[in-house]
Amino acid sequence: WNDYNEGTEIESGIDNCYTVSAQTSGSTLFWWLNASSSAANLETVSHMEIYDSTDGQDLTLLGSAQPSMNGSWGLSKLAPGKHTLYVRMVGKNSILNRITPAVTYSTGAAANS
């Protein structure tokens, strides 16, 4: 659907020139934004969202954080077991959202069974 020339649609999905990466270290999830251009601007990011999945399909929102070039989230309160974590960069209106590849994390006795 494209009615830009008629003025009935705003341009959606504008790239803000960022991708987001994540990894765990100990019981902390770390993330950072990677700029692909000097045009990247943190003012285009609304917030960051941290998700967990214990079954590899259904996601649970653990929380959100203010936009920043890097951040961290403590994982010590997660239930024992295997987890798949994601960090989603939520763009402001009309800006693309980006999400990290899956980051695996295991904790507690159930993780070793």
PDB file of N, CA and C in Angstrom:
ATOM      1  N   TRP A   1       0.854  -1.169   0.000  1.00  0.00           N
ATOM      2  CA  TRP A   1       0.000   0.000   0.000  1.00  0.00           C
ATOM      3  C   TRP A   1       0.890   1.218   0.000  1.00  0.00           C
ATOM      4  N   ASN A   2       0.725   2.096  -0.973  1.00  0.00           N
ATOM      5  CA  ASN A   2       1.573   3.272  -1.054  1.00  0.00           C
ATOM      6  C   ASN A   2       0.780   4.426  -1.619  1.00  0.00           C
ATOM      7  N   ASP A   3       0.345   5.295  -0.756  1.00  0.00           N
ATOM      8  CA  ASP A   3      -0.368   6.498  -1.186  1.00  0.00           C
ATOM      9  C   ASP A   3       0.400   7.755  -0.802  1.00  0.00           C
ATOM     10  N   TYR A   4       1.724   7.655  -0.788  1.00  0.00           N
ATOM     11  CA  TYR A   4       2.522   8.818  -0.405  1.00  0.00           C
ATOM     12  C   TYR A   4       2.188  10.020  -1.292  1.00  0.00           C
ATOM     13  N   ASN A   5       2.025   9.758  -2.591  1.00  0.00           N
ATOM     14  CA  ASN A   5       1.769  10.865  -3.516  1.00  0.00           C
ATOM     15  C   ASN A   5       0.408  11.513  -3.291  1.00  0.00           C
ATOM     16  N   GLU A   6      -0.508  10.817  -2.618  1.00  0.00           N
ATOM     17  CA  GLU A   6      -1.818  11.391  -2.323  1.00  0.00           C
ATOM     18  C   GLU A   6      -1.859  12.040  -0.945  1.00  0.00           C
ATOM     19  N   GLY A   7      -0.793  11.870  -0.177  1.00  0.00           N
ATOM     20  CA  GLY A   7      -0.721  12.492   1.133  1.00  0.00           C
ATOM     21  C   GLY A   7      -1.531  11.793   2.204  1.00  0.00           C
ATOM     22  N   THR A   8      -1.896  10.513   1.993  1.00  0.00           N
ATOM     23  CA  THR A   8      -2.712   9.821   2.979  1.00  0.00           C
ATOM     24  C   THR A   8      -1.913   8.868   3.856  1.00  0.00           C
ATOM     25  N   GLU A   9      -0.635   8.722   3.637  1.00  0.00           N
ATOM     26  CA  GLU A   9       0.185   7.796   4.418  1.00  0.00           C
ATOM     27  C   GLU A   9       1.500   8.482   4.732  1.00  0.00           C
ATOM     28  N   ILE A  10       1.962   8.320   5.957  1.00  0.00           N
ATOM     29  CA  ILE A  10       3.304   8.782   6.254  1.00  0.00           C
ATOM     30  C   ILE A  10       4.251   7.658   5.908  1.00  0.00           C
ATOM     31  N   GLU A  11       5.504   7.980   5.704  1.00  0.00           N
ATOM     32  CA  GLU A  11       6.476   6.937   5.400  1.00  0.00           C
ATOM     33  C   GLU A  11       6.759   6.163   6.674  1.00  0.00           C
ATOM     34  N   SER A  12       6.535   4.876   6.644  1.00  0.00           N
ATOM     35  CA  SER A  12       6.775   4.039   7.817  1.00  0.00           C
ATOM     36  C   SER A  12       8.046   3.226   7.619  1.00  0.00           C
ATOM     37  N   GLY A  13       8.653   2.829   8.712  1.00  0.00           N
ATOM     38  CA  GLY A  13       9.829   1.976   8.647  1.00  0.00           C
ATOM     39  C   GLY A  13      11.089   2.681   8.210  1.00  0.00           C
ATOM     40  N   ILE A  14      11.316   3.895   8.669  1.00  0.00           N
ATOM     41  CA  ILE A  14      12.529   4.629   8.338  1.00  0.00           C
ATOM     42  C   ILE A  14      13.689   4.028   9.130  1.00  0.00           C
ATOM     43  N   ASP A  15      14.786   3.756   8.458  1.00  0.00           N
ATOM     44  CA  ASP A  15      15.959   3.167   9.112  1.00  0.00           C
ATOM     45  C   ASP A  15      16.710   4.252   9.873  1.00  0.00           C
ATOM     46  N   ASN A  16      16.993   3.995  11.158  1.00  0.00           N
ATOM     47  CA  ASN A  16      17.748   4.976  11.936  1.00  0.00           C
ATOM     48  C   ASN A  16      19.244   4.653  11.978  1.00  0.00           C
ATOM     49  N   CYS A  17      19.671   3.701  11.168  1.00  0.00           N
ATOM     50  CA  CYS A  17      21.084   3.340  11.013  1.00  0.00           C
ATOM     51  C   CYS A  17      21.687   2.688  12.248  1.00  0.00           C
ATOM     52  N   TYR A  18      20.847   2.027  13.063  1.00  0.00           N
ATOM     53  CA  TYR A  18      21.325   1.275  14.218  1.00  0.00           C
ATOM     54  C   TYR A  18      20.912  -0.181  14.081  1.00  0.00           C
ATOM     55  N   THR A  19      21.765  -1.069  14.573  1.00  0.00           N
ATOM     56  CA  THR A  19      21.376  -2.441  14.874  1.00  0.00           C
ATOM     57  C   THR A  19      21.679  -2.622  16.359  1.00  0.00           C
ATOM     58  N   VAL A  20      21.111  -3.662  16.947  1.00  0.00           N
ATOM     59  CA  VAL A  20      21.321  -3.901  18.373  1.00  0.00           C
ATOM     60  C   VAL A  20      21.904  -5.298  18.565  1.00  0.00           C
ATOM     61  N   SER A  21      22.900  -5.399  19.439  1.00  0.00           N
ATOM     62  CA  SER A  21      23.565  -6.667  19.748  1.00  0.00           C
ATOM     63  C   SER A  21      23.471  -6.912  21.249  1.00  0.00           C
ATOM     64  N   ALA A  22      23.586  -8.195  21.641  1.00  0.00           N
ATOM     65  CA  ALA A  22      23.517  -8.534  23.065  1.00  0.00           C
ATOM     66  C   ALA A  22      24.331  -9.779  23.352  1.00  0.00           C
ATOM     67  N   GLN A  23      24.733  -9.906  24.619  1.00  0.00           N
ATOM     68  CA  GLN A  23      25.404 -11.104  25.106  1.00  0.00           C
ATOM     69  C   GLN A  23      25.276 -11.136  26.621  1.00  0.00           C
ATOM     70  N   THR A  24      25.483 -12.316  27.193  1.00  0.00           N
ATOM     71  CA  THR A  24      25.464 -12.437  28.646  1.00  0.00           C
ATOM     72  C   THR A  24      26.889 -12.595  29.155  1.00  0.00           C
ATOM     73  N   SER A  25      27.067 -12.156  30.388  1.00  0.00           N
ATOM     74  CA  SER A  25      28.308 -12.374  31.110  1.00  0.00           C
ATOM     75  C   SER A  25      27.909 -12.556  32.561  1.00  0.00           C
ATOM     76  N   GLY A  26      28.221 -13.736  33.119  1.00  0.00           N
ATOM     77  CA  GLY A  26      27.739 -14.039  34.462  1.00  0.00           C
ATOM     78  C   GLY A  26      26.221 -14.040  34.463  1.00  0.00           C
ATOM     79  N   SER A  27      25.627 -13.327  35.384  1.00  0.00           N
ATOM     80  CA  SER A  27      24.160 -13.257  35.455  1.00  0.00           C
ATOM     81  C   SER A  27      23.642 -11.899  34.995  1.00  0.00           C
ATOM     82  N   THR A  28      24.306 -11.334  33.982  1.00  0.00           N
ATOM     83  CA  THR A  28      23.905 -10.036  33.438  1.00  0.00           C
ATOM     84  C   THR A  28      23.811 -10.112  31.922  1.00  0.00           C
ATOM     85  N   LEU A  29      22.759  -9.527  31.385  1.00  0.00           N
ATOM     86  CA  LEU A  29      22.590  -9.372  29.940  1.00  0.00           C
ATOM     87  C   LEU A  29      23.073  -7.975  29.573  1.00  0.00           C
ATOM     88  N   PHE A  30      23.957  -7.898  28.624  1.00  0.00           N
ATOM     89  CA  PHE A  30      24.468  -6.610  28.143  1.00  0.00           C
ATOM     90  C   PHE A  30      24.012  -6.398  26.709  1.00  0.00           C
ATOM     91  N   TRP A  31      23.725  -5.155  26.344  1.00  0.00           N
ATOM     92  CA  TRP A  31      23.399  -4.837  24.954  1.00  0.00           C
ATOM     93  C   TRP A  31      24.077  -3.541  24.555  1.00  0.00           C
ATOM     94  N   TRP A  32      24.181  -3.360  23.238  1.00  0.00           N
ATOM     95  CA  TRP A  32      24.763  -2.139  22.701  1.00  0.00           C
ATOM     96  C   TRP A  32      24.208  -1.891  21.316  1.00  0.00           C
ATOM     97  N   LEU A  33      24.177  -0.627  20.948  1.00  0.00           N
ATOM     98  CA  LEU A  33      23.733  -0.216  19.613  1.00  0.00           C
ATOM     99  C   LEU A  33      24.951  -0.055  18.724  1.00  0.00           C
ATOM    100  N   ASN A  34      24.829  -0.517  17.494  1.00  0.00           N
ATOM    101  CA  ASN A  34      25.888  -0.407  16.498  1.00  0.00           C
ATOM    102  C   ASN A  34      25.419   0.550  15.405  1.00  0.00           C
ATOM    103  N   ALA A  35      26.130   1.619  15.200  1.00  0.00           N
ATOM    104  CA  ALA A  35      25.779   2.596  14.165  1.00  0.00           C
ATOM    105  C   ALA A  35      26.402   2.181  12.839  1.00  0.00           C
ATOM    106  N   SER A  36      25.590   2.170  11.776  1.00  0.00           N
ATOM    107  CA  SER A  36      26.104   1.822  10.452  1.00  0.00           C
ATOM    108  C   SER A  36      26.393   3.068   9.616  1.00  0.00           C
ATOM    109  N   SER A  37      26.137   4.232  10.199  1.00  0.00           N
ATOM    110  CA  SER A  37      26.318   5.486   9.475  1.00  0.00           C
ATOM    111  C   SER A  37      26.485   6.622  10.473  1.00  0.00           C
ATOM    112  N   SER A  38      27.110   7.686  10.041  1.00  0.00           N
ATOM    113  CA  SER A  38      27.237   8.865  10.906  1.00  0.00           C
ATOM    114  C   SER A  38      25.883   9.562  11.070  1.00  0.00           C
ATOM    115  N   ALA A  39      24.885   9.148  10.297  1.00  0.00           N
ATOM    116  CA  ALA A  39      23.542   9.718  10.414  1.00  0.00           C
ATOM    117  C   ALA A  39      22.761   9.123  11.591  1.00  0.00           C
ATOM    118  N   ALA A  40      23.276   8.058  12.215  1.00  0.00           N
ATOM    119  CA  ALA A  40      22.596   7.435  13.353  1.00  0.00           C
ATOM    120  C   ALA A  40      22.447   8.455  14.477  1.00  0.00           C
ATOM    121  N   ASN A  41      21.250   8.468  15.099  1.00  0.00           N
ATOM    122  CA  ASN A  41      20.970   9.444  16.137  1.00  0.00           C
ATOM    123  C   ASN A  41      20.134   8.780  17.220  1.00  0.00           C
ATOM    124  N   LEU A  42      20.613   8.803  18.450  1.00  0.00           N
ATOM    125  CA  LEU A  42      19.931   8.160  19.560  1.00  0.00           C
ATOM    126  C   LEU A  42      18.544   8.752  19.814  1.00  0.00           C
ATOM    127  N   GLU A  43      18.302   9.956  19.347  1.00  0.00           N
ATOM    128  CA  GLU A  43      16.990  10.582  19.525  1.00  0.00           C
ATOM    129  C   GLU A  43      15.888   9.876  18.743  1.00  0.00           C
ATOM    130  N   THR A  44      16.255   8.951  17.847  1.00  0.00           N
ATOM    131  CA  THR A  44      15.261   8.192  17.086  1.00  0.00           C
ATOM    132  C   THR A  44      14.794   6.945  17.832  1.00  0.00           C
ATOM    133  N   VAL A  45      15.413   6.637  18.983  1.00  0.00           N
ATOM    134  CA  VAL A  45      15.089   5.444  19.763  1.00  0.00           C
ATOM    135  C   VAL A  45      14.153   5.834  20.905  1.00  0.00           C
ATOM    136  N   SER A  46      13.022   5.142  21.003  1.00  0.00           N
ATOM    137  CA  SER A  46      12.059   5.403  22.071  1.00  0.00           C
ATOM    138  C   SER A  46      12.504   4.761  23.377  1.00  0.00           C
ATOM    139  N   HIS A  47      12.797   3.450  23.344  1.00  0.00           N
ATOM    140  CA  HIS A  47      13.220   2.719  24.526  1.00  0.00           C
ATOM    141  C   HIS A  47      13.722   1.336  24.115  1.00  0.00           C
ATOM    142  N   MET A  48      14.258   0.622  25.079  1.00  0.00           N
ATOM    143  CA  MET A  48      14.742  -0.734  24.867  1.00  0.00           C
ATOM    144  C   MET A  48      13.831  -1.679  25.640  1.00  0.00           C
ATOM    145  N   GLU A  49      13.544  -2.857  25.085  1.00  0.00           N
ATOM    146  CA  GLU A  49      12.727  -3.869  25.747  1.00  0.00           C
ATOM    147  C   GLU A  49      13.526  -5.169  25.872  1.00  0.00           C
ATOM    148  N   ILE A  50      13.419  -5.815  27.028  1.00  0.00           N
ATOM    149  CA  ILE A  50      14.127  -7.059  27.288  1.00  0.00           C
ATOM    150  C   ILE A  50      13.094  -8.180  27.373  1.00  0.00           C
ATOM    151  N   TYR A  51      13.285  -9.230  26.567  1.00  0.00           N
ATOM    152  CA  TYR A  51      12.353 -10.356  26.499  1.00  0.00           C
ATOM    153  C   TYR A  51      13.040 -11.654  26.892  1.00  0.00           C
ATOM    154  N   ASP A  52      12.242 -12.583  27.437  1.00  0.00           N
ATOM    155  CA  ASP A  52      12.708 -13.915  27.820  1.00  0.00           C
ATOM    156  C   ASP A  52      11.749 -14.946  27.244  1.00  0.00           C
ATOM    157  N   SER A  53      12.302 -16.079  26.833  1.00  0.00           N
ATOM    158  CA  SER A  53      11.499 -17.219  26.404  1.00  0.00           C
ATOM    159  C   SER A  53      12.080 -18.469  27.036  1.00  0.00           C
ATOM    160  N   THR A  54      11.209 -19.268  27.654  1.00  0.00           N
ATOM    161  CA  THR A  54      11.672 -20.529  28.233  1.00  0.00           C
ATOM    162  C   THR A  54      11.355 -21.712  27.332  1.00  0.00           C
ATOM    163  N   ASP A  55      10.506 -21.487  26.323  1.00  0.00           N
ATOM    164  CA  ASP A  55      10.137 -22.575  25.416  1.00  0.00           C
ATOM    165  C   ASP A  55      10.600 -22.331  23.972  1.00  0.00           C
ATOM    166  N   GLY A  56      11.279 -21.229  23.733  1.00  0.00           N
ATOM    167  CA  GLY A  56      11.771 -20.925  22.392  1.00  0.00           C
ATOM    168  C   GLY A  56      10.731 -20.339  21.458  1.00  0.00           C
ATOM    169  N   GLN A  57       9.492 -20.124  21.935  1.00  0.00           N
ATOM    170  CA  GLN A  57       8.438 -19.580  21.083  1.00  0.00           C
ATOM    171  C   GLN A  57       7.730 -18.385  21.703  1.00  0.00           C
ATOM    172  N   ASP A  58       7.260 -18.544  22.930  1.00  0.00           N
ATOM    173  CA  ASP A  58       6.508 -17.475  23.581  1.00  0.00           C
ATOM    174  C   ASP A  58       7.462 -16.545  24.316  1.00  0.00           C
ATOM    175  N   LEU A  59       7.281 -15.237  24.101  1.00  0.00           N
ATOM    176  CA  LEU A  59       8.136 -14.240  24.737  1.00  0.00           C
ATOM    177  C   LEU A  59       7.429 -13.589  25.910  1.00  0.00           C
ATOM    178  N   THR A  60       8.198 -13.304  26.966  1.00  0.00           N
ATOM    179  CA  THR A  60       7.707 -12.571  28.114  1.00  0.00           C
ATOM    180  C   THR A  60       8.534 -11.299  28.236  1.00  0.00           C
ATOM    181  N   LEU A  61       7.865 -10.167  28.317  1.00  0.00           N
ATOM    182  CA  LEU A  61       8.556  -8.900  28.502  1.00  0.00           C
ATOM    183  C   LEU A  61       9.051  -8.826  29.943  1.00  0.00           C
ATOM    184  N   LEU A  62      10.367  -8.767  30.116  1.00  0.00           N
ATOM    185  CA  LEU A  62      10.950  -8.661  31.454  1.00  0.00           C
ATOM    186  C   LEU A  62      10.950  -7.217  31.937  1.00  0.00           C
ATOM    187  N   GLY A  63      11.112  -6.287  31.018  1.00  0.00           N
ATOM    188  CA  GLY A  63      11.140  -4.878  31.390  1.00  0.00           C
ATOM    189  C   GLY A  63      11.628  -4.021  30.253  1.00  0.00           C
ATOM    190  N   SER A  64      11.724  -2.743  30.524  1.00  0.00           N
ATOM    191  CA  SER A  64      12.203  -1.814  29.508  1.00  0.00           C
ATOM    192  C   SER A  64      13.210  -0.860  30.131  1.00  0.00           C
ATOM    193  N   ALA A  65      13.992  -0.232  29.286  1.00  0.00           N
ATOM    194  CA  ALA A  65      15.040   0.681  29.725  1.00  0.00           C
ATOM    195  C   ALA A  65      15.053   1.905  28.813  1.00  0.00           C
ATOM    196  N   GLN A  66      15.578   2.977  29.338  1.00  0.00           N
ATOM    197  CA  GLN A  66      15.722   4.200  28.564  1.00  0.00           C
ATOM    198  C   GLN A  66      16.698   3.963  27.415  1.00  0.00           C
ATOM    199  N   PRO A  67      16.547   4.707  26.325  1.00  0.00           N
ATOM    200  CA  PRO A  67      17.487   4.540  25.211  1.00  0.00           C
ATOM    201  C   PRO A  67      18.895   4.975  25.620  1.00  0.00           C
ATOM    202  N   SER A  68      19.857   4.173  25.245  1.00  0.00           N
ATOM    203  CA  SER A  68      21.266   4.509  25.465  1.00  0.00           C
ATOM    204  C   SER A  68      22.086   3.670  24.499  1.00  0.00           C
ATOM    205  N   MET A  69      23.319   4.047  24.302  1.00  0.00           N
ATOM    206  CA  MET A  69      24.178   3.318  23.371  1.00  0.00           C
ATOM    207  C   MET A  69      24.514   1.925  23.894  1.00  0.00           C
ATOM    208  N   ASN A  70      24.421   1.720  25.213  1.00  0.00           N
ATOM    209  CA  ASN A  70      24.635   0.397  25.788  1.00  0.00           C
ATOM    210  C   ASN A  70      23.916   0.326  27.125  1.00  0.00           C
ATOM    211  N   GLY A  71      23.640  -0.907  27.559  1.00  0.00           N
ATOM    212  CA  GLY A  71      22.939  -1.079  28.815  1.00  0.00           C
ATOM    213  C   GLY A  71      23.088  -2.497  29.321  1.00  0.00           C
ATOM    214  N   SER A  72      22.490  -2.743  30.482  1.00  0.00           N
ATOM    215  CA  SER A  72      22.566  -4.077  31.075  1.00  0.00           C
ATOM    216  C   SER A  72      21.283  -4.371  31.842  1.00  0.00           C
ATOM    217  N   TRP A  73      21.052  -5.671  32.065  1.00  0.00           N
ATOM    218  CA  TRP A  73      19.863  -6.138  32.783  1.00  0.00           C
ATOM    219  C   TRP A  73      20.261  -7.347  33.613  1.00  0.00           C
ATOM    220  N   GLY A  74      19.998  -7.300  34.900  1.00  0.00           N
ATOM    221  CA  GLY A  74      20.316  -8.407  35.790  1.00  0.00           C
ATOM    222  C   GLY A  74      19.402  -9.597  35.559  1.00  0.00           C
ATOM    223  N   LEU A  75      19.963 -10.785  35.540  1.00  0.00           N
ATOM    224  CA  LEU A  75      19.211 -12.007  35.260  1.00  0.00           C
ATOM    225  C   LEU A  75      19.047 -12.895  36.480  1.00  0.00           C
ATOM    226  N   SER A  76      19.478 -12.451  37.642  1.00  0.00           N
ATOM    227  CA  SER A  76      19.482 -13.301  38.833  1.00  0.00           C
ATOM    228  C   SER A  76      18.081 -13.691  39.305  1.00  0.00           C
ATOM    229  N   LYS A  77      17.046 -12.967  38.894  1.00  0.00           N
ATOM    230  CA  LYS A  77      15.682 -13.284  39.328  1.00  0.00           C
ATOM    231  C   LYS A  77      14.954 -14.245  38.387  1.00  0.00           C
ATOM    232  N   LEU A  78      15.623 -14.672  37.314  1.00  0.00           N
ATOM    233  CA  LEU A  78      14.992 -15.621  36.395  1.00  0.00           C
ATOM    234  C   LEU A  78      14.844 -16.978  37.062  1.00  0.00           C
ATOM    235  N   ALA A  79      13.779 -17.683  36.731  1.00  0.00           N
ATOM    236  CA  ALA A  79      13.562 -19.035  37.249  1.00  0.00           C
ATOM    237  C   ALA A  79      14.670 -19.958  36.755  1.00  0.00           C
ATOM    238  N   PRO A  80      15.003 -20.977  37.518  1.00  0.00           N
ATOM    239  CA  PRO A  80      16.019 -21.936  37.060  1.00  0.00           C
ATOM    240  C   PRO A  80      15.609 -22.561  35.730  1.00  0.00           C
ATOM    241  N   GLY A  81      16.575 -22.791  34.870  1.00  0.00           N
ATOM    242  CA  GLY A  81      16.309 -23.432  33.584  1.00  0.00           C
ATOM    243  C   GLY A  81      17.018 -22.734  32.453  1.00  0.00           C
ATOM    244  N   LYS A  82      16.620 -23.125  31.256  1.00  0.00           N
ATOM    245  CA  LYS A  82      17.199 -22.562  30.041  1.00  0.00           C
ATOM    246  C   LYS A  82      16.323 -21.418  29.557  1.00  0.00           C
ATOM    247  N   HIS A  83      16.973 -20.332  29.164  1.00  0.00           N
ATOM    248  CA  HIS A  83      16.273 -19.134  28.715  1.00  0.00           C
ATOM    249  C   HIS A  83      16.838 -18.671  27.377  1.00  0.00           C
ATOM    250  N   THR A  84      15.977 -18.094  26.568  1.00  0.00           N
ATOM    251  CA  THR A  84      16.389 -17.435  25.341  1.00  0.00           C
ATOM    252  C   THR A  84      15.999 -15.973  25.500  1.00  0.00           C
ATOM    253  N   LEU A  85      16.986 -15.100  25.412  1.00  0.00           N
ATOM    254  CA  LEU A  85      16.783 -13.673  25.674  1.00  0.00           C
ATOM    255  C   LEU A  85      16.917 -12.867  24.398  1.00  0.00           C
ATOM    256  N   TYR A  86      16.182 -11.765  24.349  1.00  0.00           N
ATOM    257  CA  TYR A  86      16.223 -10.833  23.224  1.00  0.00           C
ATOM    258  C   TYR A  86      16.180  -9.416  23.768  1.00  0.00           C
ATOM    259  N   VAL A  87      16.832  -8.492  23.073  1.00  0.00           N
ATOM    260  CA  VAL A  87      16.712  -7.074  23.376  1.00  0.00           C
ATOM    261  C   VAL A  87      16.174  -6.406  22.119  1.00  0.00           C
ATOM    262  N   ARG A  88      15.104  -5.660  22.296  1.00  0.00           N
ATOM    263  CA  ARG A  88      14.449  -4.984  21.171  1.00  0.00           C
ATOM    264  C   ARG A  88      14.637  -3.481  21.298  1.00  0.00           C
ATOM    265  N   MET A  89      15.176  -2.872  20.250  1.00  0.00           N
ATOM    266  CA  MET A  89      15.276  -1.427  20.175  1.00  0.00           C
ATOM    267  C   MET A  89      13.974  -0.934  19.547  1.00  0.00           C
ATOM    268  N   VAL A  90      13.198  -0.166  20.295  1.00  0.00           N
ATOM    269  CA  VAL A  90      11.922   0.341  19.808  1.00  0.00           C
ATOM    270  C   VAL A  90      12.145   1.759  19.297  1.00  0.00           C
ATOM    271  N   GLY A  91      11.903   1.947  18.013  1.00  0.00           N
ATOM    272  CA  GLY A  91      12.077   3.263  17.419  1.00  0.00           C
ATOM    273  C   GLY A  91      10.890   4.161  17.700  1.00  0.00           C
ATOM    274  N   LYS A  92      11.135   5.450  17.652  1.00  0.00           N
ATOM    275  CA  LYS A  92      10.034   6.405  17.775  1.00  0.00           C
ATOM    276  C   LYS A  92       9.133   6.264  16.546  1.00  0.00           C
ATOM    277  N   ASN A  93       8.028   6.974  16.518  1.00  0.00           N
ATOM    278  CA  ASN A  93       7.061   6.864  15.414  1.00  0.00           C
ATOM    279  C   ASN A  93       7.749   6.897  14.057  1.00  0.00           C
ATOM    280  N   SER A  94       7.395   5.958  13.214  1.00  0.00           N
ATOM    281  CA  SER A  94       7.873   5.806  11.839  1.00  0.00           C
ATOM    282  C   SER A  94       9.279   5.232  11.725  1.00  0.00           C
ATOM    283  N   ILE A  95       9.940   4.947  12.839  1.00  0.00           N
ATOM    284  CA  ILE A  95      11.305   4.413  12.814  1.00  0.00           C
ATOM    285  C   ILE A  95      11.239   2.894  13.004  1.00  0.00           C
ATOM    286  N   LEU A  96      12.071   2.156  12.251  1.00  0.00           N
ATOM    287  CA  LEU A  96      12.127   0.700  12.361  1.00  0.00           C
ATOM    288  C   LEU A  96      12.505   0.252  13.760  1.00  0.00           C
ATOM    289  N   ASN A  97      11.880  -0.821  14.216  1.00  0.00           N
ATOM    290  CA  ASN A  97      12.289  -1.502  15.432  1.00  0.00           C
ATOM    291  C   ASN A  97      13.321  -2.553  15.037  1.00  0.00           C
ATOM    292  N   ARG A  98      14.263  -2.821  15.924  1.00  0.00           N
ATOM    293  CA  ARG A  98      15.276  -3.861  15.682  1.00  0.00           C
ATOM    294  C   ARG A  98      15.335  -4.767  16.901  1.00  0.00           C
ATOM    295  N   ILE A  99      15.677  -6.029  16.679  1.00  0.00           N
ATOM    296  CA  ILE A  99      15.789  -6.980  17.782  1.00  0.00           C
ATOM    297  C   ILE A  99      17.067  -7.792  17.601  1.00  0.00           C
ATOM    298  N   THR A 100      17.667  -8.172  18.725  1.00  0.00           N
ATOM    299  CA  THR A 100      18.904  -8.947  18.672  1.00  0.00           C
ATOM    300  C   THR A 100      18.624 -10.378  18.233  1.00  0.00           C
ATOM    301  N   PRO A 101      19.634 -11.062  17.754  1.00  0.00           N
ATOM    302  CA  PRO A 101      19.512 -12.511  17.619  1.00  0.00           C
ATOM    303  C   PRO A 101      19.338 -13.113  19.015  1.00  0.00           C
ATOM    304  N   ALA A 102      18.890 -14.343  19.084  1.00  0.00           N
ATOM    305  CA  ALA A 102      18.679 -15.025  20.360  1.00  0.00           C
ATOM    306  C   ALA A 102      19.980 -15.128  21.143  1.00  0.00           C
ATOM    307  N   VAL A 103      19.869 -14.882  22.449  1.00  0.00           N
ATOM    308  CA  VAL A 103      20.990 -15.040  23.372  1.00  0.00           C
ATOM    309  C   VAL A 103      20.569 -16.102  24.382  1.00  0.00           C
ATOM    310  N   THR A 104      21.308 -17.205  24.463  1.00  0.00           N
ATOM    311  CA  THR A 104      20.932 -18.279  25.383  1.00  0.00           C
ATOM    312  C   THR A 104      21.566 -18.049  26.750  1.00  0.00           C
ATOM    313  N   TYR A 105      20.830 -18.480  27.777  1.00  0.00           N
ATOM    314  CA  TYR A 105      21.272 -18.317  29.154  1.00  0.00           C
ATOM    315  C   TYR A 105      20.675 -19.440  29.979  1.00  0.00           C
ATOM    316  N   SER A 106      21.462 -20.038  30.847  1.00  0.00           N
ATOM    317  CA  SER A 106      20.981 -21.109  31.719  1.00  0.00           C
ATOM    318  C   SER A 106      21.312 -20.761  33.159  1.00  0.00           C
ATOM    319  N   THR A 107      20.395 -21.140  34.043  1.00  0.00           N
ATOM    320  CA  THR A 107      20.592 -20.857  35.465  1.00  0.00           C
ATOM    321  C   THR A 107      20.014 -21.972  36.317  1.00  0.00           C
ATOM    322  N   GLY A 108      20.598 -22.184  37.484  1.00  0.00           N
ATOM    323  CA  GLY A 108      20.046 -23.100  38.471  1.00  0.00           C
ATOM    324  C   GLY A 108      20.172 -24.564  38.132  1.00  0.00           C
ATOM    325  N   ALA A 109      19.643 -25.399  39.016  1.00  0.00           N
ATOM    326  CA  ALA A 109      19.718 -26.859  38.889  1.00  0.00           C
ATOM    327  C   ALA A 109      19.031 -27.383  37.657  1.00  0.00           C
ATOM    328  N   ALA A 110      17.896 -26.778  37.251  1.00  0.00           N
ATOM    329  CA  ALA A 110      17.147 -27.268  36.090  1.00  0.00           C
ATOM    330  C   ALA A 110      17.948 -27.078  34.805  1.00  0.00           C
ATOM    331  N   ALA A 111      18.869 -26.125  34.791  1.00  0.00           N
ATOM    332  CA  ALA A 111      19.667 -25.878  33.590  1.00  0.00           C
ATOM    333  C   ALA A 111      20.640 -27.014  33.337  1.00  0.00           C
ATOM    334  N   ASN A 112      21.002 -27.748  34.375  1.00  0.00           N
ATOM    335  CA  ASN A 112      21.982 -28.815  34.227  1.00  0.00           C
ATOM    336  C   ASN A 112      21.365 -30.177  34.010  1.00  0.00           C
ATOM    337  N   SER A 113      20.035 -30.268  34.014  1.00  0.00           N
ATOM    338  CA  SER A 113      19.394 -31.583  33.870  1.00  0.00           C
ATOM    339  C   SER A 113      19.174 -31.959  32.427  1.00  0.00           C
TER     340      SER A 113
END
